[in-house]
Structures are given as structure tokens and as C-alpha cells.
């Protein structure tokens, strides 16, 4: 069982930056692949970024609209995954969720993840 707690959301102007954090409980964090998803009002949850377990190279993947603007990383010593977001746009406004996948492999679909945080709100003003 893994518990995830996101933080770092808030209100930012377009073009600004935010760093989201997701702290995980448990001693098996390093064996989980981690992902970030987001959900805007009236829209389905969508994939943002994912990172595999470190001993497989810590590979990352991003949704096309986030490439070059968002960076996912992990610190296994701190049981934390991060999402650095820059050049933010109003359309990035959403609740951002982190998720854990026990297989350790990259996943881009929400049904591939077993554990979810409660979400953190990101609002980008124009």
C-alpha cells in the first residue's frame, strides 16, 4: 500500500513556473513507476508525464503538449516525485494528480496506476 500526497499547486500567471511535489509513504517507493495526470473542469483525466524506476534508467515520457515545458524527476531518498512546470498557459489549469504503478514500467494510461493522491490545484491566469 502506498499513500501519495501532492503539494505545490497554486495560482500563477501565464508564462510562470511551478514545481509540484508528491510525497509517498512506504519503503517500496523506488520500485514504483510514477506518473502525473491532470483533470480540468468538465474534461477527462489526461496523462501529463511519467518516470520509470531508477535502476531501469529512470526513463521519462511526456504528453506531447507538455514536452519541453514540463520535467518529471524523482528522489528515491526522499520518496518524492516532482513535476517542474514552466511556460505555463491558462489551458494548463487543472487539478494535478500523482500516481504510482507497482510494475515499475512507464505507463500513460490512468488504469495502469494503482495508487493515487488527492490532487493539487494549479490555476494559470492570463
C-alpha atoms as a PDB file:
ATOM      1  CA  UNK A   1       0.000   0.000   0.000  1.00  0.00           C
ATOM      2  CA  UNK A   2       1.296   3.433  -0.975  1.00  0.00           C
ATOM      3  CA  UNK A   3      -0.107   6.756   0.130  1.00  0.00           C
ATOM      4  CA  UNK A   4       0.596   9.795  -2.020  1.00  0.00           C
ATOM      5  CA  UNK A   5       0.327  13.446  -1.039  1.00  0.00           C
ATOM      6  CA  UNK A   6       0.731  16.195  -3.615  1.00  0.00           C
ATOM      7  CA  UNK A   7       1.750  19.773  -2.858  1.00  0.00           C
ATOM      8  CA  UNK A   8       2.985  22.864  -4.629  1.00  0.00           C
ATOM      9  CA  UNK A   9      -0.095  23.878  -6.548  1.00  0.00           C
ATOM     10  CA  UNK A  10      -1.357  27.431  -6.619  1.00  0.00           C
ATOM     11  CA  UNK A  11      -2.136  30.460  -8.726  1.00  0.00           C
ATOM     12  CA  UNK A  12       0.428  31.618 -11.268  1.00  0.00           C
ATOM     13  CA  UNK A  13       0.411  33.999 -14.202  1.00  0.00           C
ATOM     14  CA  UNK A  14       0.776  32.745 -17.737  1.00  0.00           C
ATOM     15  CA  UNK A  15       4.417  32.206 -18.569  1.00  0.00           C
ATOM     16  CA  UNK A  16       5.269  31.440 -14.970  1.00  0.00           C
ATOM     17  CA  UNK A  17       6.558  28.294 -13.307  1.00  0.00           C
ATOM     18  CA  UNK A  18       5.528  25.933 -10.537  1.00  0.00           C
ATOM     19  CA  UNK A  19       7.044  22.811  -9.051  1.00  0.00           C
ATOM     20  CA  UNK A  20       4.706  20.138  -7.814  1.00  0.00           C
ATOM     21  CA  UNK A  21       5.823  17.546  -5.311  1.00  0.00           C
ATOM     22  CA  UNK A  22       4.351  14.174  -4.476  1.00  0.00           C
ATOM     23  CA  UNK A  23       5.489  12.537  -1.263  1.00  0.00           C
ATOM     24  CA  UNK A  24       4.985   8.797  -0.964  1.00  0.00           C
ATOM     25  CA  UNK A  25       4.745   6.671   2.118  1.00  0.00           C
ATOM     26  CA  UNK A  26       6.280   3.235   2.414  1.00  0.00           C
ATOM     27  CA  UNK A  27       9.663   1.678   1.785  1.00  0.00           C
ATOM     28  CA  UNK A  28       8.945   0.469  -1.747  1.00  0.00           C
ATOM     29  CA  UNK A  29       8.761   3.850  -3.478  1.00  0.00           C
ATOM     30  CA  UNK A  30      11.894   3.132  -5.511  1.00  0.00           C
ATOM     31  CA  UNK A  31      10.221   0.093  -7.094  1.00  0.00           C
ATOM     32  CA  UNK A  32       7.223   2.048  -8.413  1.00  0.00           C
ATOM     33  CA  UNK A  33       6.910   3.896 -11.657  1.00  0.00           C
ATOM     34  CA  UNK A  34       5.346   7.286 -11.012  1.00  0.00           C
ATOM     35  CA  UNK A  35       3.082   9.409 -13.129  1.00  0.00           C
ATOM     36  CA  UNK A  36       1.385  12.769 -13.169  1.00  0.00           C
ATOM     37  CA  UNK A  37      -2.094  13.274 -14.570  1.00  0.00           C
ATOM     38  CA  UNK A  38      -4.395  16.259 -14.627  1.00  0.00           C
ATOM     39  CA  UNK A  39      -8.100  16.924 -14.857  1.00  0.00           C
ATOM     40  CA  UNK A  40      -9.678  20.205 -15.865  1.00  0.00           C
ATOM     41  CA  UNK A  41     -13.326  21.020 -15.094  1.00  0.00           C
ATOM     42  CA  UNK A  42     -15.646  19.184 -17.430  1.00  0.00           C
ATOM     43  CA  UNK A  43     -12.821  17.189 -19.006  1.00  0.00           C
ATOM     44  CA  UNK A  44     -11.465  13.689 -18.631  1.00  0.00           C
ATOM     45  CA  UNK A  45      -8.311  12.995 -16.684  1.00  0.00           C
ATOM     46  CA  UNK A  46      -5.309  13.181 -19.000  1.00  0.00           C
ATOM     47  CA  UNK A  47      -1.738  11.962 -18.877  1.00  0.00           C
ATOM     48  CA  UNK A  48       0.993  14.517 -18.200  1.00  0.00           C
ATOM     49  CA  UNK A  49       4.281  12.702 -17.542  1.00  0.00           C
ATOM     50  CA  UNK A  50       5.737   9.503 -16.145  1.00  0.00           C
ATOM     51  CA  UNK A  51       9.053   8.205 -14.867  1.00  0.00           C
ATOM     52  CA  UNK A  52      10.143   4.606 -14.535  1.00  0.00           C
ATOM     53  CA  UNK A  53      12.124   3.080 -11.684  1.00  0.00           C
ATOM     54  CA  UNK A  54      15.678   4.378 -11.407  1.00  0.00           C
ATOM     55  CA  UNK A  55      17.551   1.129 -11.936  1.00  0.00           C
ATOM     56  CA  UNK A  56      15.951   0.808 -15.350  1.00  0.00           C
ATOM     57  CA  UNK A  57      17.421   4.170 -16.270  1.00  0.00           C
ATOM     58  CA  UNK A  58      14.742   6.389 -14.865  1.00  0.00           C
ATOM     59  CA  UNK A  59      13.237   6.823 -18.296  1.00  0.00           C
ATOM     60  CA  UNK A  60      10.643   9.529 -18.745  1.00  0.00           C
ATOM     61  CA  UNK A  61       7.809  10.192 -21.132  1.00  0.00           C
ATOM     62  CA  UNK A  62       5.545  13.191 -21.625  1.00  0.00           C
ATOM     63  CA  UNK A  63       2.306  14.114 -23.279  1.00  0.00           C
ATOM     64  CA  UNK A  64       3.046  15.992 -26.479  1.00  0.00           C
ATOM     65  CA  UNK A  65       1.648  19.297 -25.226  1.00  0.00           C
ATOM     66  CA  UNK A  66       3.960  19.204 -22.181  1.00  0.00           C
ATOM     67  CA  UNK A  67       7.216  18.306 -23.924  1.00  0.00           C
ATOM     68  CA  UNK A  68       9.810  20.994 -23.436  1.00  0.00           C
ATOM     69  CA  UNK A  69       7.782  22.732 -20.734  1.00  0.00           C
ATOM     70  CA  UNK A  70       7.381  20.101 -18.006  1.00  0.00           C
ATOM     71  CA  UNK A  71      10.040  17.924 -16.375  1.00  0.00           C
ATOM     72  CA  UNK A  72       9.370  14.936 -14.163  1.00  0.00           C
ATOM     73  CA  UNK A  73      12.010  13.702 -11.741  1.00  0.00           C
ATOM     74  CA  UNK A  74      12.260  11.552  -8.657  1.00  0.00           C
ATOM     75  CA  UNK A  75      14.316  11.451  -5.486  1.00  0.00           C
ATOM     76  CA  UNK A  76      14.141   7.950  -4.056  1.00  0.00           C
ATOM     77  CA  UNK A  77      15.957   9.012  -0.884  1.00  0.00           C
ATOM     78  CA  UNK A  78      13.097  11.401  -0.173  1.00  0.00           C
ATOM     79  CA  UNK A  79      10.320   9.177  -1.528  1.00  0.00           C
ATOM     80  CA  UNK A  80       9.274  12.088  -3.686  1.00  0.00           C
ATOM     81  CA  UNK A  81       8.453  12.683  -7.328  1.00  0.00           C
ATOM     82  CA  UNK A  82       8.438  16.174  -8.790  1.00  0.00           C
ATOM     83  CA  UNK A  83       6.850  17.914 -11.726  1.00  0.00           C
ATOM     84  CA  UNK A  84       8.617  21.104 -12.747  1.00  0.00           C
ATOM     85  CA  UNK A  85       6.293  23.162 -14.921  1.00  0.00           C
ATOM     86  CA  UNK A  86       7.395  26.209 -16.873  1.00  0.00           C
ATOM     87  CA  UNK A  87       5.938  28.452 -19.578  1.00  0.00           C
ATOM     88  CA  UNK A  88       2.559  27.769 -18.069  1.00  0.00           C
ATOM     89  CA  UNK A  89      -0.560  28.520 -20.076  1.00  0.00           C
ATOM     90  CA  UNK A  90      -4.157  29.111 -18.975  1.00  0.00           C
ATOM     91  CA  UNK A  91      -5.057  25.756 -20.530  1.00  0.00           C
ATOM     92  CA  UNK A  92      -2.746  24.081 -18.007  1.00  0.00           C
ATOM     93  CA  UNK A  93      -5.280  24.961 -15.309  1.00  0.00           C
ATOM     94  CA  UNK A  94      -6.394  21.700 -13.699  1.00  0.00           C
ATOM     95  CA  UNK A  95      -6.171  19.514 -10.647  1.00  0.00           C
ATOM     96  CA  UNK A  96      -2.889  17.617 -10.884  1.00  0.00           C
ATOM     97  CA  UNK A  97      -2.642  14.100  -9.505  1.00  0.00           C
ATOM     98  CA  UNK A  98       0.341  11.872  -8.944  1.00  0.00           C
ATOM     99  CA  UNK A  99       0.017   8.126  -9.240  1.00  0.00           C
ATOM    100  CA  UNK A 100       2.115   5.040  -8.523  1.00  0.00           C
ATOM    101  CA  UNK A 101       2.456   1.932 -10.652  1.00  0.00           C
ATOM    102  CA  UNK A 102       3.891  -1.169  -8.937  1.00  0.00           C
ATOM    103  CA  UNK A 103       5.190  -2.698 -12.189  1.00  0.00           C
ATOM    104  CA  UNK A 104       7.914  -0.043 -12.355  1.00  0.00           C
ATOM    105  CA  UNK A 105       7.389   0.437 -16.071  1.00  0.00           C
ATOM    106  CA  UNK A 106       6.272   3.606 -17.774  1.00  0.00           C
ATOM    107  CA  UNK A 107       2.527   3.978 -18.144  1.00  0.00           C
ATOM    108  CA  UNK A 108       0.486   6.627 -19.909  1.00  0.00           C
ATOM    109  CA  UNK A 109      -2.999   5.398 -19.075  1.00  0.00           C
ATOM    110  CA  UNK A 110      -4.668   6.075 -15.751  1.00  0.00           C
ATOM    111  CA  UNK A 111      -5.856   2.466 -15.465  1.00  0.00           C
ATOM    112  CA  UNK A 112      -2.220   1.333 -15.325  1.00  0.00           C
ATOM    113  CA  UNK A 113      -1.755   3.000 -11.938  1.00  0.00           C
ATOM    114  CA  UNK A 114      -2.891   1.513  -8.665  1.00  0.00           C
ATOM    115  CA  UNK A 115      -2.395   4.353  -6.205  1.00  0.00           C
ATOM    116  CA  UNK A 116      -3.444   7.989  -6.431  1.00  0.00           C
ATOM    117  CA  UNK A 117      -3.019  11.157  -4.450  1.00  0.00           C
ATOM    118  CA  UNK A 118      -5.803  13.582  -3.638  1.00  0.00           C
ATOM    119  CA  UNK A 119      -4.658  16.163  -6.177  1.00  0.00           C
ATOM    120  CA  UNK A 120      -3.405  19.725  -6.064  1.00  0.00           C
ATOM    121  CA  UNK A 121      -4.998  22.652  -7.883  1.00  0.00           C
ATOM    122  CA  UNK A 122      -2.989  24.600 -10.439  1.00  0.00           C
ATOM    123  CA  UNK A 123      -4.557  27.771 -11.790  1.00  0.00           C
ATOM    124  CA  UNK A 124      -2.871  29.776 -14.546  1.00  0.00           C
ATOM    125  CA  UNK A 125      -4.218  33.271 -15.103  1.00  0.00           C
ATOM    126  CA  UNK A 126      -3.980  35.036 -18.441  1.00  0.00           C
END
